[in-house]
C-alpha cells in the first residue's frame, strides 16, 4: 500500500449515502417510525369519537314527517345505522298511510293527527317509503327515501385495527433484519 492509497478495508464506494451498515440503520429507523406512526394513528381513531362528543352507539333522531297530496316532506331522511328513529308523522289534507320498505312499518295517519313511529335503523342501505292509503290520482308517486348510512365509528375502528396490524408488522420486520453481525 502506498501513501496515496487508503486502506481498502476502510473504503466503501457506494451511492454517496454512507456505508451499508448506516443504510441498514436508516431502514430500521424508518420501520420504527412507520410502526410508531401507525400505532399513534390507531389510538387517535379510537379516541376521536369520544373527543367530539359522539356516542359510540346510535343516537336518538326525532324527525317530523308531513304527508300531503302527493308528497312527503322531507322526501329524504338520513340516519346512521344503530340510530333510534322517532318519526312524528302528520297528514295535512287527507288520510295517508306510511309504509317503509325493509322495516315492515305500516301506519295510517288521519288529517290533523300526529302519530309517533319508533324503530331502530339496524339495516344500512336505501329504503323507499310510500303512502299506503289511496289518497288521489297521483298516490303511486307519493314516495320518499330513508337512507341508513353505515356507522362511521365502526369504520374508524376497523381502520385503526388495520393500522395497528400494519405498525406491528413494520416493527416485526425491522427486528427480523437484525442479527449479531449488525452490532459493531
N, C-alpha and C. Protein backbone atom coordinates (compact mmCIF):
# COMPACT_ATOMS: atom_id res chain seq x y z
N UNK A 1 0.85 -1.15 0.00
CA UNK A 1 0.00 0.00 0.00
C UNK A 1 0.91 1.22 0.00
N UNK A 2 0.58 2.15 -0.89
CA UNK A 2 1.36 3.37 -0.98
C UNK A 2 0.72 4.44 -0.14
N UNK A 3 1.43 5.54 -0.05
CA UNK A 3 0.98 6.63 0.78
C UNK A 3 -0.30 7.29 0.24
N UNK A 4 -0.52 7.30 -1.08
CA UNK A 4 -1.68 7.96 -1.68
C UNK A 4 -2.93 7.07 -1.71
N UNK A 5 -2.78 5.80 -1.39
CA UNK A 5 -3.93 4.90 -1.42
C UNK A 5 -4.41 4.62 -0.01
N UNK A 6 -5.70 4.82 0.21
CA UNK A 6 -6.23 4.47 1.54
C UNK A 6 -6.34 2.96 1.67
N UNK A 7 -6.44 2.50 2.88
CA UNK A 7 -6.58 1.07 3.12
C UNK A 7 -7.92 0.61 2.56
N UNK A 8 -7.94 -0.50 1.80
CA UNK A 8 -9.15 -0.95 1.13
C UNK A 8 -10.24 -1.37 2.10
N UNK A 9 -9.90 -1.90 3.24
CA UNK A 9 -10.93 -2.34 4.18
C UNK A 9 -11.68 -1.16 4.83
N UNK A 10 -11.14 0.02 4.75
CA UNK A 10 -11.80 1.19 5.33
C UNK A 10 -12.54 2.03 4.31
N UNK A 11 -12.51 1.64 3.04
CA UNK A 11 -13.13 2.45 2.00
C UNK A 11 -14.38 1.75 1.49
N UNK A 12 -15.45 2.51 1.39
CA UNK A 12 -16.68 1.98 0.78
C UNK A 12 -17.10 2.96 -0.28
N UNK A 13 -17.15 2.49 -1.53
CA UNK A 13 -17.54 3.36 -2.62
C UNK A 13 -18.96 2.97 -3.03
N UNK A 14 -19.92 3.67 -2.49
CA UNK A 14 -21.32 3.34 -2.76
C UNK A 14 -22.02 4.50 -3.44
N UNK A 15 -23.25 4.71 -3.08
CA UNK A 15 -24.07 5.71 -3.75
C UNK A 15 -23.98 7.09 -3.09
N UNK A 16 -23.05 7.26 -2.18
CA UNK A 16 -22.88 8.56 -1.55
C UNK A 16 -23.72 8.75 -0.31
N UNK A 17 -24.47 7.74 0.12
CA UNK A 17 -25.35 7.89 1.28
C UNK A 17 -24.79 7.18 2.50
N UNK A 18 -23.57 6.83 2.49
CA UNK A 18 -22.98 6.20 3.65
C UNK A 18 -22.72 4.73 3.44
N UNK A 19 -22.28 4.09 4.47
CA UNK A 19 -21.92 2.68 4.40
C UNK A 19 -23.16 1.80 4.42
N UNK A 20 -23.01 0.52 4.04
CA UNK A 20 -24.15 -0.39 4.12
C UNK A 20 -24.71 -0.52 5.53
N UNK A 21 -23.85 -0.47 6.52
CA UNK A 21 -24.32 -0.55 7.91
C UNK A 21 -25.18 0.66 8.25
N UNK A 22 -24.78 1.84 7.78
CA UNK A 22 -25.57 3.05 8.04
C UNK A 22 -26.90 2.98 7.31
N UNK A 23 -26.92 2.42 6.10
CA UNK A 23 -28.18 2.29 5.35
C UNK A 23 -29.12 1.36 6.09
N UNK A 24 -28.60 0.28 6.64
CA UNK A 24 -29.45 -0.64 7.42
C UNK A 24 -30.02 0.05 8.64
N UNK A 25 -29.24 0.90 9.27
CA UNK A 25 -29.72 1.65 10.44
C UNK A 25 -30.85 2.59 10.06
N UNK A 26 -30.72 3.23 8.88
CA UNK A 26 -31.78 4.13 8.42
C UNK A 26 -33.06 3.36 8.12
N UNK A 27 -32.91 2.17 7.54
CA UNK A 27 -34.09 1.34 7.25
C UNK A 27 -34.80 0.94 8.55
N UNK A 28 -34.01 0.56 9.55
CA UNK A 28 -34.60 0.20 10.83
C UNK A 28 -35.29 1.39 11.46
N UNK A 29 -34.68 2.56 11.36
CA UNK A 29 -35.28 3.77 11.91
C UNK A 29 -36.57 4.11 11.18
N UNK A 30 -36.57 3.97 9.85
CA UNK A 30 -37.78 4.24 9.07
C UNK A 30 -38.88 3.25 9.43
N UNK A 31 -38.54 1.98 9.61
CA UNK A 31 -39.52 0.98 10.01
C UNK A 31 -40.11 1.27 11.37
N UNK A 32 -39.25 1.68 12.31
CA UNK A 32 -39.73 2.04 13.64
C UNK A 32 -40.63 3.26 13.57
N UNK A 33 -40.22 4.25 12.80
CA UNK A 33 -41.03 5.47 12.67
C UNK A 33 -42.39 5.15 12.06
N UNK A 34 -42.43 4.29 11.05
CA UNK A 34 -43.69 3.89 10.44
C UNK A 34 -44.56 3.15 11.44
N UNK A 35 -43.97 2.24 12.20
CA UNK A 35 -44.72 1.50 13.21
C UNK A 35 -45.31 2.42 14.27
N UNK A 36 -44.51 3.37 14.75
CA UNK A 36 -45.00 4.32 15.75
C UNK A 36 -46.11 5.19 15.16
N UNK A 37 -45.94 5.62 13.90
CA UNK A 37 -46.98 6.41 13.23
C UNK A 37 -48.30 5.63 13.17
N UNK A 38 -48.23 4.36 12.77
CA UNK A 38 -49.44 3.54 12.67
C UNK A 38 -50.10 3.35 14.03
N UNK A 39 -49.31 3.10 15.05
CA UNK A 39 -49.87 2.92 16.39
C UNK A 39 -50.52 4.20 16.89
N UNK A 40 -49.88 5.35 16.70
CA UNK A 40 -50.47 6.62 17.13
C UNK A 40 -51.74 6.94 16.36
N UNK A 41 -51.76 6.66 15.07
CA UNK A 41 -52.96 6.91 14.27
C UNK A 41 -54.09 6.01 14.73
N UNK A 42 -53.80 4.75 15.03
CA UNK A 42 -54.83 3.84 15.53
C UNK A 42 -55.41 4.33 16.85
N UNK A 43 -54.54 4.83 17.74
CA UNK A 43 -55.02 5.37 19.01
C UNK A 43 -55.88 6.61 18.79
N UNK A 44 -55.50 7.46 17.86
CA UNK A 44 -56.28 8.66 17.56
C UNK A 44 -57.65 8.30 17.01
N UNK A 45 -57.73 7.32 16.12
CA UNK A 45 -59.02 6.91 15.57
C UNK A 45 -59.91 6.30 16.65
N UNK A 46 -59.32 5.58 17.58
CA UNK A 46 -60.12 5.01 18.66
C UNK A 46 -60.62 6.09 19.60
N UNK A 47 -59.86 7.16 19.77
CA UNK A 47 -60.19 8.23 20.70
C UNK A 47 -61.11 9.26 20.08
N UNK A 48 -61.07 9.46 18.80
CA UNK A 48 -61.76 10.54 18.09
C UNK A 48 -63.24 10.64 18.37
N UNK A 49 -64.06 9.57 18.30
CA UNK A 49 -65.49 9.76 18.51
C UNK A 49 -65.82 10.34 19.87
N UNK A 50 -65.13 9.89 20.92
CA UNK A 50 -65.40 10.42 22.25
C UNK A 50 -64.94 11.88 22.36
N UNK A 51 -63.89 12.23 21.65
CA UNK A 51 -63.36 13.59 21.71
C UNK A 51 -64.33 14.61 21.14
N UNK A 52 -65.11 14.21 20.15
CA UNK A 52 -66.04 15.14 19.52
C UNK A 52 -67.46 14.96 20.02
N UNK A 53 -67.65 14.29 21.15
CA UNK A 53 -68.95 14.18 21.77
C UNK A 53 -69.91 13.24 21.07
N UNK A 54 -69.41 12.38 20.20
CA UNK A 54 -70.28 11.44 19.52
C UNK A 54 -70.34 10.15 20.34
N UNK A 55 -71.53 9.66 20.50
CA UNK A 55 -71.69 8.41 21.19
C UNK A 55 -71.21 7.27 20.30
N UNK A 56 -70.68 6.24 20.90
CA UNK A 56 -70.25 5.10 20.11
C UNK A 56 -71.46 4.30 19.63
N UNK A 57 -72.56 4.38 20.33
CA UNK A 57 -73.77 3.71 19.90
C UNK A 57 -74.63 4.70 19.13
N UNK A 58 -75.73 4.20 18.55
CA UNK A 58 -76.64 5.08 17.83
C UNK A 58 -77.26 6.11 18.76
N UNK A 59 -77.70 7.19 18.18
CA UNK A 59 -78.34 8.24 18.96
C UNK A 59 -79.81 8.31 18.58
N UNK A 60 -80.57 9.04 19.34
CA UNK A 60 -81.99 9.18 19.02
C UNK A 60 -82.17 10.32 18.03
N UNK A 61 -82.92 10.06 16.97
CA UNK A 61 -83.21 11.05 15.93
C UNK A 61 -84.71 11.26 15.88
N UNK A 62 -85.18 12.46 16.14
CA UNK A 62 -86.59 12.80 16.06
C UNK A 62 -86.80 13.57 14.76
N UNK A 63 -87.68 13.07 13.90
CA UNK A 63 -87.88 13.65 12.57
C UNK A 63 -89.37 13.89 12.36
N UNK A 64 -89.73 15.12 12.01
CA UNK A 64 -91.11 15.46 11.65
C UNK A 64 -91.31 15.15 10.18
N UNK A 65 -92.29 14.31 9.88
CA UNK A 65 -92.59 13.90 8.51
C UNK A 65 -94.03 14.29 8.21
N UNK A 66 -94.23 15.11 7.19
CA UNK A 66 -95.55 15.61 6.84
C UNK A 66 -95.98 15.01 5.51
N UNK A 67 -97.18 14.44 5.48
CA UNK A 67 -97.74 13.90 4.26
C UNK A 67 -98.82 14.83 3.73
N UNK A 68 -98.73 15.17 2.46
CA UNK A 68 -99.74 15.98 1.77
C UNK A 68 -99.80 15.50 0.34
N UNK A 69 -100.91 15.76 -0.32
CA UNK A 69 -101.04 15.30 -1.71
C UNK A 69 -99.93 15.90 -2.54
N UNK A 70 -99.13 15.31 -3.17
CA UNK A 70 -98.77 13.90 -3.27
C UNK A 70 -97.29 13.80 -2.98
N UNK A 71 -96.93 14.19 -1.77
CA UNK A 71 -95.51 14.22 -1.40
C UNK A 71 -95.32 14.02 0.09
N UNK A 72 -94.11 13.64 0.42
CA UNK A 72 -93.67 13.60 1.82
C UNK A 72 -92.65 14.71 2.01
N UNK A 73 -92.72 15.36 3.16
CA UNK A 73 -91.76 16.42 3.47
C UNK A 73 -91.15 16.12 4.83
N UNK A 74 -89.87 15.82 4.92
CA UNK A 74 -88.86 15.79 3.86
C UNK A 74 -88.99 14.52 3.01
N UNK A 75 -88.52 14.63 1.78
CA UNK A 75 -88.56 13.50 0.86
C UNK A 75 -87.44 12.51 1.07
N UNK A 76 -86.39 12.94 1.76
CA UNK A 76 -85.24 12.07 2.05
C UNK A 76 -84.92 12.21 3.54
N UNK A 77 -84.81 11.09 4.21
CA UNK A 77 -84.45 11.06 5.63
C UNK A 77 -83.13 10.31 5.73
N UNK A 78 -82.13 10.93 6.35
CA UNK A 78 -80.82 10.28 6.52
C UNK A 78 -80.54 10.06 8.00
N UNK A 79 -80.19 8.81 8.34
CA UNK A 79 -79.82 8.44 9.70
C UNK A 79 -78.61 7.52 9.63
N UNK A 80 -78.00 7.27 10.76
CA UNK A 80 -76.88 6.33 10.84
C UNK A 80 -77.37 4.99 11.35
N UNK A 81 -76.70 3.95 10.95
CA UNK A 81 -77.03 2.61 11.43
C UNK A 81 -76.92 2.60 12.95
N UNK A 82 -77.92 2.04 13.59
CA UNK A 82 -77.95 1.97 15.05
C UNK A 82 -78.73 3.10 15.69
N UNK A 83 -79.08 4.14 14.92
CA UNK A 83 -79.87 5.24 15.48
C UNK A 83 -81.27 4.77 15.84
N UNK A 84 -81.78 5.31 16.93
CA UNK A 84 -83.18 5.10 17.30
C UNK A 84 -83.96 6.23 16.64
N UNK A 85 -84.83 5.89 15.70
CA UNK A 85 -85.53 6.89 14.90
C UNK A 85 -86.95 7.04 15.43
N UNK A 86 -87.33 8.29 15.70
CA UNK A 86 -88.70 8.60 16.09
C UNK A 86 -89.27 9.49 14.99
N UNK A 87 -90.21 8.94 14.22
CA UNK A 87 -90.88 9.71 13.18
C UNK A 87 -92.18 10.26 13.77
N UNK A 88 -92.33 11.58 13.72
CA UNK A 88 -93.60 12.21 14.10
C UNK A 88 -94.32 12.53 12.79
N UNK A 89 -95.24 11.66 12.42
CA UNK A 89 -95.89 11.73 11.11
C UNK A 89 -97.23 12.45 11.25
N UNK A 90 -97.46 13.38 10.30
CA UNK A 90 -98.69 14.17 10.31
C UNK A 90 -99.24 14.23 8.90
N UNK A 91 -100.56 14.09 8.78
CA UNK A 91 -101.23 14.23 7.49
C UNK A 91 -101.87 15.61 7.45
N UNK A 92 -101.59 16.37 6.40
CA UNK A 92 -102.09 17.74 6.31
C UNK A 92 -103.46 17.85 5.67
N UNK A 93 -103.80 16.97 4.73
CA UNK A 93 -105.00 17.20 3.94
C UNK A 93 -106.01 16.05 4.00
N UNK A 94 -105.59 14.86 3.68
CA UNK A 94 -106.49 13.69 3.69
C UNK A 94 -105.78 12.57 4.45
N UNK A 95 -106.46 11.46 4.59
CA UNK A 95 -105.86 10.30 5.26
C UNK A 95 -104.75 9.74 4.37
N UNK A 96 -103.60 9.52 5.00
CA UNK A 96 -102.46 8.92 4.31
C UNK A 96 -102.01 7.71 5.12
N UNK A 97 -101.22 6.87 4.49
CA UNK A 97 -100.60 5.75 5.18
C UNK A 97 -99.10 5.84 4.97
N UNK A 98 -98.35 5.31 5.90
CA UNK A 98 -96.90 5.29 5.75
C UNK A 98 -96.44 3.84 5.79
N UNK A 99 -95.75 3.43 4.73
CA UNK A 99 -95.14 2.10 4.69
C UNK A 99 -93.67 2.29 4.37
N UNK A 100 -92.79 1.68 5.19
CA UNK A 100 -91.35 1.77 4.96
C UNK A 100 -90.83 0.40 4.54
N UNK A 101 -90.35 0.33 3.30
CA UNK A 101 -89.79 -0.93 2.78
C UNK A 101 -88.64 -1.40 3.67
N UNK A 102 -88.54 -2.70 3.86
CA UNK A 102 -87.41 -3.28 4.58
C UNK A 102 -87.57 -3.25 6.09
N UNK A 103 -88.50 -2.47 6.60
CA UNK A 103 -88.71 -2.40 8.05
C UNK A 103 -90.10 -2.89 8.46
N UNK A 104 -90.97 -3.12 7.48
CA UNK A 104 -92.29 -3.65 7.79
C UNK A 104 -93.17 -2.70 8.60
N UNK A 105 -92.90 -1.43 8.51
CA UNK A 105 -93.69 -0.43 9.25
C UNK A 105 -94.84 0.01 8.36
N UNK A 106 -96.05 -0.06 8.90
CA UNK A 106 -97.24 0.38 8.17
C UNK A 106 -98.18 1.04 9.17
N UNK A 107 -98.44 2.32 8.97
CA UNK A 107 -99.33 3.08 9.84
C UNK A 107 -100.27 3.92 9.01
N UNK A 108 -101.48 4.14 9.54
CA UNK A 108 -102.46 5.01 8.91
C UNK A 108 -102.52 6.31 9.70
N UNK A 109 -102.47 7.44 8.99
CA UNK A 109 -102.44 8.76 9.64
C UNK A 109 -103.63 9.57 9.13
N UNK A 110 -104.43 10.06 10.07
CA UNK A 110 -105.62 10.85 9.73
C UNK A 110 -105.28 12.34 9.76
N UNK A 111 -106.01 13.16 9.00
CA UNK A 111 -105.73 14.61 8.97
C UNK A 111 -105.75 15.21 10.38
N UNK A 112 -104.74 16.03 10.66
CA UNK A 112 -104.63 16.70 11.96
C UNK A 112 -104.02 15.84 13.05
N UNK A 113 -103.89 14.55 12.81
CA UNK A 113 -103.34 13.64 13.80
C UNK A 113 -101.82 13.59 13.66
N UNK A 114 -101.10 13.49 14.79
CA UNK A 114 -99.66 13.25 14.77
C UNK A 114 -99.42 11.88 15.38
N UNK A 115 -98.79 11.03 14.62
CA UNK A 115 -98.53 9.68 15.10
C UNK A 115 -97.02 9.50 15.21
N UNK A 116 -96.57 9.00 16.36
CA UNK A 116 -95.14 8.73 16.56
C UNK A 116 -94.86 7.27 16.24
N UNK A 117 -93.88 7.09 15.39
CA UNK A 117 -93.44 5.75 14.99
C UNK A 117 -91.97 5.64 15.38
N UNK A 118 -91.64 4.64 16.18
CA UNK A 118 -90.27 4.48 16.68
C UNK A 118 -89.70 3.15 16.18
N UNK A 119 -88.48 3.20 15.68
CA UNK A 119 -87.78 1.98 15.26
C UNK A 119 -86.29 2.23 15.32
N UNK A 120 -85.52 1.14 15.28
CA UNK A 120 -84.06 1.23 15.24
C UNK A 120 -83.61 0.98 13.81
N UNK A 121 -82.80 1.89 13.28
CA UNK A 121 -82.28 1.77 11.92
C UNK A 121 -81.11 0.78 11.95
N UNK A 122 -81.44 -0.49 11.86
CA UNK A 122 -80.42 -1.52 12.02
C UNK A 122 -79.93 -2.13 10.71
N UNK A 123 -80.45 -1.65 9.58
CA UNK A 123 -80.01 -2.16 8.28
C UNK A 123 -79.48 -1.01 7.43
N UNK A 124 -78.20 -1.00 7.08
CA UNK A 124 -77.71 0.07 6.21
C UNK A 124 -78.26 -0.11 4.80
N UNK A 125 -78.50 1.00 4.14
CA UNK A 125 -78.99 0.94 2.77
C UNK A 125 -79.98 2.06 2.50
N UNK A 126 -80.65 1.94 1.37
CA UNK A 126 -81.62 2.95 0.93
C UNK A 126 -82.98 2.26 0.81
N UNK A 127 -83.97 2.77 1.54
CA UNK A 127 -85.28 2.15 1.61
C UNK A 127 -86.34 3.17 1.20
N UNK A 128 -87.25 2.74 0.34
CA UNK A 128 -88.32 3.63 -0.09
C UNK A 128 -89.43 3.62 0.97
N UNK A 129 -89.98 4.82 1.23
CA UNK A 129 -91.22 4.84 2.00
C UNK A 129 -92.29 5.46 1.11
N UNK A 130 -93.54 5.05 1.35
CA UNK A 130 -94.62 5.43 0.45
C UNK A 130 -95.92 5.58 1.21
N UNK A 131 -96.85 6.24 0.57
CA UNK A 131 -98.20 6.35 1.11
C UNK A 131 -98.86 4.98 0.93
N UNK A 132 -99.47 4.49 1.99
CA UNK A 132 -100.06 3.15 1.96
C UNK A 132 -101.59 3.19 1.90
N UNK A 133 -102.17 4.39 1.75
CA UNK A 133 -103.62 4.54 1.62
C UNK A 133 -103.87 5.36 0.35
N UNK A 134 -104.74 4.86 -0.52
CA UNK A 134 -105.02 5.58 -1.75
C UNK A 134 -105.56 6.97 -1.39
N UNK A 135 -104.85 8.01 -1.84
CA UNK A 135 -105.19 9.38 -1.44
C UNK A 135 -105.50 10.28 -2.64
N UNK A 136 -105.55 9.72 -3.84
CA UNK A 136 -105.86 10.52 -5.02
C UNK A 136 -105.18 9.97 -6.25
N UNK A 137 -105.31 10.73 -7.32
CA UNK A 137 -104.82 10.31 -8.63
C UNK A 137 -103.33 10.00 -8.65
N UNK A 138 -102.53 10.83 -8.03
CA UNK A 138 -101.07 10.66 -8.07
C UNK A 138 -100.52 9.94 -6.83
N UNK A 139 -101.38 9.18 -6.16
CA UNK A 139 -100.99 8.41 -4.98
C UNK A 139 -99.75 7.54 -5.21
N UNK A 140 -99.61 6.86 -6.36
CA UNK A 140 -98.43 6.00 -6.55
C UNK A 140 -97.10 6.77 -6.54
N UNK A 141 -97.15 8.07 -6.72
CA UNK A 141 -95.92 8.87 -6.78
C UNK A 141 -95.58 9.52 -5.43
N UNK A 142 -96.35 9.22 -4.41
CA UNK A 142 -96.10 9.79 -3.08
C UNK A 142 -95.10 8.90 -2.35
N UNK A 143 -93.83 9.11 -2.69
CA UNK A 143 -92.76 8.28 -2.14
C UNK A 143 -91.64 9.16 -1.59
N UNK A 144 -90.80 8.54 -0.80
CA UNK A 144 -89.60 9.19 -0.27
C UNK A 144 -88.56 8.13 0.01
N UNK A 145 -87.42 8.57 0.54
CA UNK A 145 -86.31 7.64 0.78
C UNK A 145 -85.79 7.76 2.21
N UNK A 146 -85.55 6.61 2.80
CA UNK A 146 -84.85 6.51 4.08
C UNK A 146 -83.46 5.99 3.77
N UNK A 147 -82.45 6.79 4.06
CA UNK A 147 -81.06 6.38 3.85
C UNK A 147 -80.43 6.08 5.20
N UNK A 148 -80.03 4.85 5.38
CA UNK A 148 -79.36 4.44 6.61
C UNK A 148 -77.89 4.27 6.28
N UNK A 149 -77.08 5.20 6.77
CA UNK A 149 -75.64 5.19 6.48
C UNK A 149 -74.93 4.24 7.44
N UNK A 150 -73.83 3.65 7.00
CA UNK A 150 -73.06 2.79 7.90
C UNK A 150 -72.55 3.60 9.08
N UNK A 151 -72.37 2.94 10.19
CA UNK A 151 -71.88 3.59 11.39
C UNK A 151 -70.40 3.93 11.20
N UNK A 152 -70.08 5.22 11.18
CA UNK A 152 -68.70 5.64 10.93
C UNK A 152 -67.77 5.27 12.07
N UNK A 153 -68.29 5.08 13.26
CA UNK A 153 -67.44 4.67 14.37
C UNK A 153 -66.89 3.27 14.12
N UNK A 154 -67.71 2.40 13.51
CA UNK A 154 -67.23 1.07 13.18
C UNK A 154 -66.11 1.16 12.14
N UNK A 155 -66.32 2.00 11.13
CA UNK A 155 -65.31 2.16 10.07
C UNK A 155 -64.00 2.69 10.65
N UNK A 156 -64.09 3.65 11.57
CA UNK A 156 -62.89 4.19 12.20
C UNK A 156 -62.17 3.12 13.02
N UNK A 157 -62.94 2.30 13.71
CA UNK A 157 -62.34 1.22 14.48
C UNK A 157 -61.65 0.19 13.59
N UNK A 158 -62.28 -0.12 12.47
CA UNK A 158 -61.68 -1.07 11.53
C UNK A 158 -60.39 -0.50 10.93
N UNK A 159 -60.41 0.79 10.60
CA UNK A 159 -59.20 1.43 10.07
C UNK A 159 -58.10 1.44 11.13
N UNK A 160 -58.47 1.71 12.37
CA UNK A 160 -57.50 1.70 13.46
C UNK A 160 -56.88 0.33 13.65
N UNK A 161 -57.71 -0.71 13.57
CA UNK A 161 -57.19 -2.07 13.71
C UNK A 161 -56.23 -2.40 12.56
N UNK A 162 -56.57 -1.97 11.35
CA UNK A 162 -55.69 -2.20 10.21
C UNK A 162 -54.35 -1.51 10.38
N UNK A 163 -54.38 -0.27 10.86
CA UNK A 163 -53.13 0.45 11.09
C UNK A 163 -52.32 -0.19 12.22
N UNK A 164 -53.01 -0.69 13.22
CA UNK A 164 -52.32 -1.37 14.31
C UNK A 164 -51.58 -2.60 13.80
N UNK A 165 -52.23 -3.37 12.94
CA UNK A 165 -51.60 -4.55 12.35
C UNK A 165 -50.42 -4.14 11.47
N UNK A 166 -50.61 -3.09 10.64
CA UNK A 166 -49.52 -2.63 9.76
C UNK A 166 -48.32 -2.16 10.58
N UNK A 167 -48.57 -1.42 11.65
CA UNK A 167 -47.48 -0.95 12.50
C UNK A 167 -46.76 -2.09 13.17
N UNK A 168 -47.51 -3.07 13.65
CA UNK A 168 -46.89 -4.23 14.30
C UNK A 168 -46.02 -5.01 13.31
N UNK A 169 -46.54 -5.18 12.08
CA UNK A 169 -45.76 -5.90 11.07
C UNK A 169 -44.48 -5.13 10.71
N UNK A 170 -44.58 -3.80 10.66
CA UNK A 170 -43.39 -3.00 10.35
C UNK A 170 -42.33 -3.16 11.44
N UNK A 171 -42.75 -3.15 12.69
CA UNK A 171 -41.79 -3.32 13.79
C UNK A 171 -41.21 -4.73 13.78
N UNK A 172 -42.05 -5.74 13.53
CA UNK A 172 -41.54 -7.11 13.46
C UNK A 172 -40.56 -7.28 12.31
N UNK A 173 -40.87 -6.68 11.17
CA UNK A 173 -39.97 -6.76 10.02
C UNK A 173 -38.64 -6.08 10.33
N UNK A 174 -38.70 -4.97 11.02
CA UNK A 174 -37.47 -4.25 11.40
C UNK A 174 -36.63 -5.13 12.30
N UNK A 175 -37.25 -5.78 13.28
CA UNK A 175 -36.49 -6.61 14.21
C UNK A 175 -35.99 -7.89 13.55
N UNK A 176 -36.69 -8.38 12.54
CA UNK A 176 -36.29 -9.59 11.83
C UNK A 176 -34.96 -9.40 11.13
N UNK A 177 -34.69 -8.20 10.63
CA UNK A 177 -33.47 -7.92 9.89
C UNK A 177 -32.24 -7.81 10.79
N UNK A 178 -32.43 -7.71 12.07
CA UNK A 178 -31.28 -7.57 12.97
C UNK A 178 -30.58 -8.92 13.17
N UNK A 179 -29.27 -8.85 13.24
CA UNK A 179 -28.50 -10.05 13.56
C UNK A 179 -27.29 -9.61 14.36
N UNK A 180 -26.54 -10.57 14.84
CA UNK A 180 -25.37 -10.22 15.63
C UNK A 180 -24.31 -9.53 14.81
N UNK A 181 -24.31 -9.71 13.48
CA UNK A 181 -23.30 -9.07 12.65
C UNK A 181 -23.59 -7.57 12.48
N UNK A 182 -24.86 -7.13 12.76
CA UNK A 182 -25.20 -5.71 12.66
C UNK A 182 -24.61 -4.90 13.80
N UNK A 183 -24.28 -5.55 14.89
CA UNK A 183 -23.74 -4.84 16.05
C UNK A 183 -22.22 -4.78 15.94
N UNK A 184 -21.66 -3.58 15.92
CA UNK A 184 -20.20 -3.44 15.78
C UNK A 184 -19.60 -2.96 17.06
